[in-house]
Amino acid sequence: MLKTLRIVFGIMTALFALYTMLTDNHTFLTLTYFFLGMMFLMMALTVQREKEKSFSYILFSVAGFNIFGSLYVFIFDR
C-alpha cells in the first residue's frame, strides 16, 4: 500500500513539475511541493518499518518542511 502511494505521489509530482517547466506557469508549484512532501512521508513510513530509524527521522523532517511550506504558501500567499 505504501509503495503504491509513493509511486502515485511521485507520478503526480513529476507531472506537475513537467507542466511547470514546459509552460513556465508557476500556479501549480505549491501542489508540486505538497505531493513531493507526501512522497517523502510515504518513504519515511516505509523506511521506519525497515528499522532504519535515523534515516526515517530525516525523511519525516523533510516531508514536514515540504508540506508545511506548500500549505503556508498556498494559504497566505494569495
N, C-alpha and C. Protein backbone atom coordinates (compact mmCIF):
# COMPACT_ATOMS: atom_id res chain seq x y z
N MET A 1 0.82 -1.20 0.00
CA MET A 1 0.00 0.00 0.00
C MET A 1 0.87 1.26 0.00
N LEU A 2 1.88 1.28 0.85
CA LEU A 2 2.75 2.46 0.91
C LEU A 2 3.55 2.63 -0.37
N LYS A 3 3.96 1.52 -0.96
CA LYS A 3 4.72 1.60 -2.21
C LYS A 3 3.85 2.16 -3.33
N THR A 4 2.59 1.73 -3.36
CA THR A 4 1.66 2.23 -4.38
C THR A 4 1.43 3.72 -4.21
N LEU A 5 1.22 4.16 -2.96
CA LEU A 5 1.02 5.59 -2.72
C LEU A 5 2.26 6.40 -3.06
N ARG A 6 3.45 5.84 -2.76
CA ARG A 6 4.69 6.54 -3.09
C ARG A 6 4.82 6.71 -4.60
N ILE A 7 4.45 5.68 -5.36
CA ILE A 7 4.53 5.76 -6.82
C ILE A 7 3.51 6.76 -7.35
N VAL A 8 2.30 6.76 -6.81
CA VAL A 8 1.26 7.70 -7.26
C VAL A 8 1.67 9.14 -6.97
N PHE A 9 2.17 9.40 -5.75
CA PHE A 9 2.61 10.75 -5.42
C PHE A 9 3.82 11.17 -6.24
N GLY A 10 4.70 10.23 -6.57
CA GLY A 10 5.85 10.53 -7.41
C GLY A 10 5.44 10.89 -8.82
N ILE A 11 4.47 10.17 -9.36
CA ILE A 11 3.99 10.46 -10.72
C ILE A 11 3.30 11.82 -10.75
N MET A 12 2.49 12.11 -9.73
CA MET A 12 1.80 13.41 -9.69
C MET A 12 2.81 14.55 -9.56
N THR A 13 3.85 14.34 -8.75
CA THR A 13 4.89 15.35 -8.61
C THR A 13 5.59 15.58 -9.94
N ALA A 14 5.94 14.50 -10.62
CA ALA A 14 6.63 14.62 -11.91
C ALA A 14 5.76 15.32 -12.95
N LEU A 15 4.46 15.01 -12.96
CA LEU A 15 3.57 15.65 -13.93
C LEU A 15 3.43 17.15 -13.68
N PHE A 16 3.25 17.53 -12.41
CA PHE A 16 3.14 18.96 -12.10
C PHE A 16 4.45 19.68 -12.38
N ALA A 17 5.58 19.06 -12.08
CA ALA A 17 6.88 19.68 -12.35
C ALA A 17 7.11 19.82 -13.84
N LEU A 18 6.74 18.79 -14.61
CA LEU A 18 6.89 18.86 -16.07
C LEU A 18 6.00 19.94 -16.66
N TYR A 19 4.77 20.05 -16.17
CA TYR A 19 3.87 21.10 -16.64
C TYR A 19 4.44 22.48 -16.34
N THR A 20 4.99 22.65 -15.14
CA THR A 20 5.56 23.94 -14.76
C THR A 20 6.77 24.27 -15.63
N MET A 21 7.59 23.29 -15.93
CA MET A 21 8.77 23.54 -16.75
C MET A 21 8.42 23.86 -18.19
N LEU A 22 7.44 23.15 -18.74
CA LEU A 22 7.12 23.33 -20.15
C LEU A 22 6.34 24.61 -20.41
N THR A 23 5.45 25.00 -19.52
CA THR A 23 4.59 26.15 -19.78
C THR A 23 5.07 27.43 -19.09
N ASP A 24 6.03 27.33 -18.18
CA ASP A 24 6.51 28.48 -17.41
C ASP A 24 5.38 29.12 -16.61
N ASN A 25 4.39 28.32 -16.24
CA ASN A 25 3.26 28.75 -15.43
C ASN A 25 3.47 28.17 -14.02
N HIS A 26 3.65 29.03 -13.05
CA HIS A 26 4.02 28.58 -11.71
C HIS A 26 2.83 28.47 -10.75
N THR A 27 1.64 28.33 -11.26
CA THR A 27 0.48 28.25 -10.38
C THR A 27 0.40 26.90 -9.66
N PHE A 28 0.94 25.86 -10.24
CA PHE A 28 0.87 24.54 -9.62
C PHE A 28 2.13 24.18 -8.84
N LEU A 29 2.99 25.15 -8.59
CA LEU A 29 4.24 24.88 -7.89
C LEU A 29 3.99 24.46 -6.44
N THR A 30 2.98 25.03 -5.79
CA THR A 30 2.69 24.63 -4.41
C THR A 30 2.18 23.19 -4.36
N LEU A 31 1.40 22.78 -5.36
CA LEU A 31 0.95 21.39 -5.42
C LEU A 31 2.11 20.44 -5.67
N THR A 32 3.09 20.89 -6.45
CA THR A 32 4.27 20.07 -6.69
C THR A 32 5.00 19.81 -5.39
N TYR A 33 5.21 20.86 -4.59
CA TYR A 33 5.90 20.69 -3.32
C TYR A 33 5.07 19.87 -2.32
N PHE A 34 3.76 20.03 -2.37
CA PHE A 34 2.91 19.24 -1.48
C PHE A 34 3.01 17.75 -1.79
N PHE A 35 2.90 17.40 -3.06
CA PHE A 35 2.98 15.98 -3.42
C PHE A 35 4.39 15.44 -3.23
N LEU A 36 5.39 16.28 -3.38
CA LEU A 36 6.75 15.85 -3.07
C LEU A 36 6.89 15.55 -1.58
N GLY A 37 6.28 16.37 -0.75
CA GLY A 37 6.28 16.12 0.69
C GLY A 37 5.53 14.85 1.05
N MET A 38 4.42 14.59 0.37
CA MET A 38 3.68 13.36 0.62
C MET A 38 4.48 12.13 0.19
N MET A 39 5.23 12.27 -0.90
CA MET A 39 6.08 11.17 -1.33
C MET A 39 7.18 10.90 -0.31
N PHE A 40 7.78 11.96 0.23
CA PHE A 40 8.78 11.79 1.28
C PHE A 40 8.17 11.17 2.54
N LEU A 41 6.94 11.52 2.84
CA LEU A 41 6.26 10.94 4.00
C LEU A 41 6.05 9.43 3.82
N MET A 42 5.65 9.03 2.63
CA MET A 42 5.48 7.59 2.37
C MET A 42 6.82 6.88 2.42
N MET A 43 7.87 7.52 1.92
CA MET A 43 9.19 6.92 2.00
C MET A 43 9.64 6.78 3.45
N ALA A 44 9.34 7.78 4.29
CA ALA A 44 9.72 7.73 5.70
C ALA A 44 9.00 6.60 6.42
N LEU A 45 7.73 6.42 6.12
CA LEU A 45 6.98 5.32 6.75
C LEU A 45 7.52 3.96 6.32
N THR A 46 7.90 3.85 5.06
CA THR A 46 8.47 2.60 4.57
C THR A 46 9.81 2.31 5.23
N VAL A 47 10.66 3.32 5.33
CA VAL A 47 11.98 3.14 5.94
C VAL A 47 11.85 2.85 7.43
N GLN A 48 10.88 3.46 8.09
CA GLN A 48 10.70 3.21 9.51
C GLN A 48 10.27 1.76 9.77
N ARG A 49 9.51 1.19 8.89
CA ARG A 49 9.13 -0.22 9.03
C ARG A 49 10.32 -1.15 8.87
N GLU A 50 11.34 -0.68 8.12
CA GLU A 50 12.53 -1.49 7.91
C GLU A 50 13.56 -1.30 9.02
N LYS A 51 13.19 -0.64 10.08
CA LYS A 51 14.01 -0.46 11.29
C LYS A 51 15.23 0.44 11.08
N GLU A 52 15.19 1.36 10.12
CA GLU A 52 16.24 2.35 9.98
C GLU A 52 15.70 3.67 10.51
N LYS A 53 15.79 3.85 11.81
CA LYS A 53 15.14 4.98 12.46
C LYS A 53 15.79 6.31 12.12
N SER A 54 17.13 6.37 12.06
CA SER A 54 17.79 7.66 11.87
C SER A 54 17.45 8.25 10.50
N PHE A 55 17.43 7.43 9.45
CA PHE A 55 17.10 7.93 8.13
C PHE A 55 15.62 8.29 8.03
N SER A 56 14.77 7.58 8.76
CA SER A 56 13.34 7.91 8.72
C SER A 56 13.08 9.25 9.39
N TYR A 57 13.86 9.61 10.44
CA TYR A 57 13.69 10.92 11.06
C TYR A 57 14.05 12.04 10.09
N ILE A 58 15.08 11.84 9.30
CA ILE A 58 15.45 12.85 8.31
C ILE A 58 14.34 12.99 7.27
N LEU A 59 13.82 11.86 6.81
CA LEU A 59 12.74 11.92 5.81
C LEU A 59 11.47 12.54 6.38
N PHE A 60 11.15 12.26 7.65
CA PHE A 60 9.99 12.90 8.28
C PHE A 60 10.17 14.41 8.36
N SER A 61 11.36 14.87 8.69
CA SER A 61 11.59 16.31 8.80
C SER A 61 11.52 16.97 7.42
N VAL A 62 12.05 16.33 6.39
CA VAL A 62 11.97 16.89 5.04
C VAL A 62 10.52 16.91 4.57
N ALA A 63 9.78 15.85 4.84
CA ALA A 63 8.37 15.81 4.45
C ALA A 63 7.57 16.88 5.18
N GLY A 64 7.81 17.04 6.47
CA GLY A 64 7.11 18.07 7.22
C GLY A 64 7.41 19.47 6.71
N PHE A 65 8.67 19.72 6.39
CA PHE A 65 9.05 21.03 5.86
C PHE A 65 8.38 21.29 4.51
N ASN A 66 8.37 20.30 3.62
CA ASN A 66 7.74 20.48 2.32
C ASN A 66 6.23 20.69 2.44
N ILE A 67 5.58 19.89 3.26
CA ILE A 67 4.12 20.01 3.40
C ILE A 67 3.76 21.34 4.08
N PHE A 68 4.49 21.69 5.15
CA PHE A 68 4.21 22.96 5.82
C PHE A 68 4.46 24.13 4.89
N GLY A 69 5.57 24.11 4.18
CA GLY A 69 5.89 25.22 3.27
C GLY A 69 4.89 25.37 2.15
N SER A 70 4.45 24.25 1.58
CA SER A 70 3.49 24.35 0.48
C SER A 70 2.14 24.84 0.98
N LEU A 71 1.69 24.35 2.15
CA LEU A 71 0.42 24.83 2.68
C LEU A 71 0.49 26.29 3.10
N TYR A 72 1.62 26.71 3.65
CA TYR A 72 1.79 28.11 4.05
C TYR A 72 1.71 29.03 2.82
N VAL A 73 2.40 28.66 1.77
CA VAL A 73 2.36 29.48 0.56
C VAL A 73 0.98 29.45 -0.06
N PHE A 74 0.33 28.29 -0.04
CA PHE A 74 -1.00 28.16 -0.65
C PHE A 74 -2.03 29.00 0.11
N ILE A 75 -1.93 29.06 1.43
CA ILE A 75 -2.92 29.78 2.24
C ILE A 75 -2.62 31.27 2.32
N PHE A 76 -1.37 31.64 2.60
CA PHE A 76 -1.06 33.02 2.93
C PHE A 76 -0.47 33.83 1.79
N ASP A 77 -0.14 33.23 0.70
CA ASP A 77 0.49 33.99 -0.39
C ASP A 77 -0.48 34.25 -1.53
N ARG A 78 -1.71 34.31 -1.25
CA ARG A 78 -2.72 34.56 -2.31
C ARG A 78 -3.27 35.94 -2.18
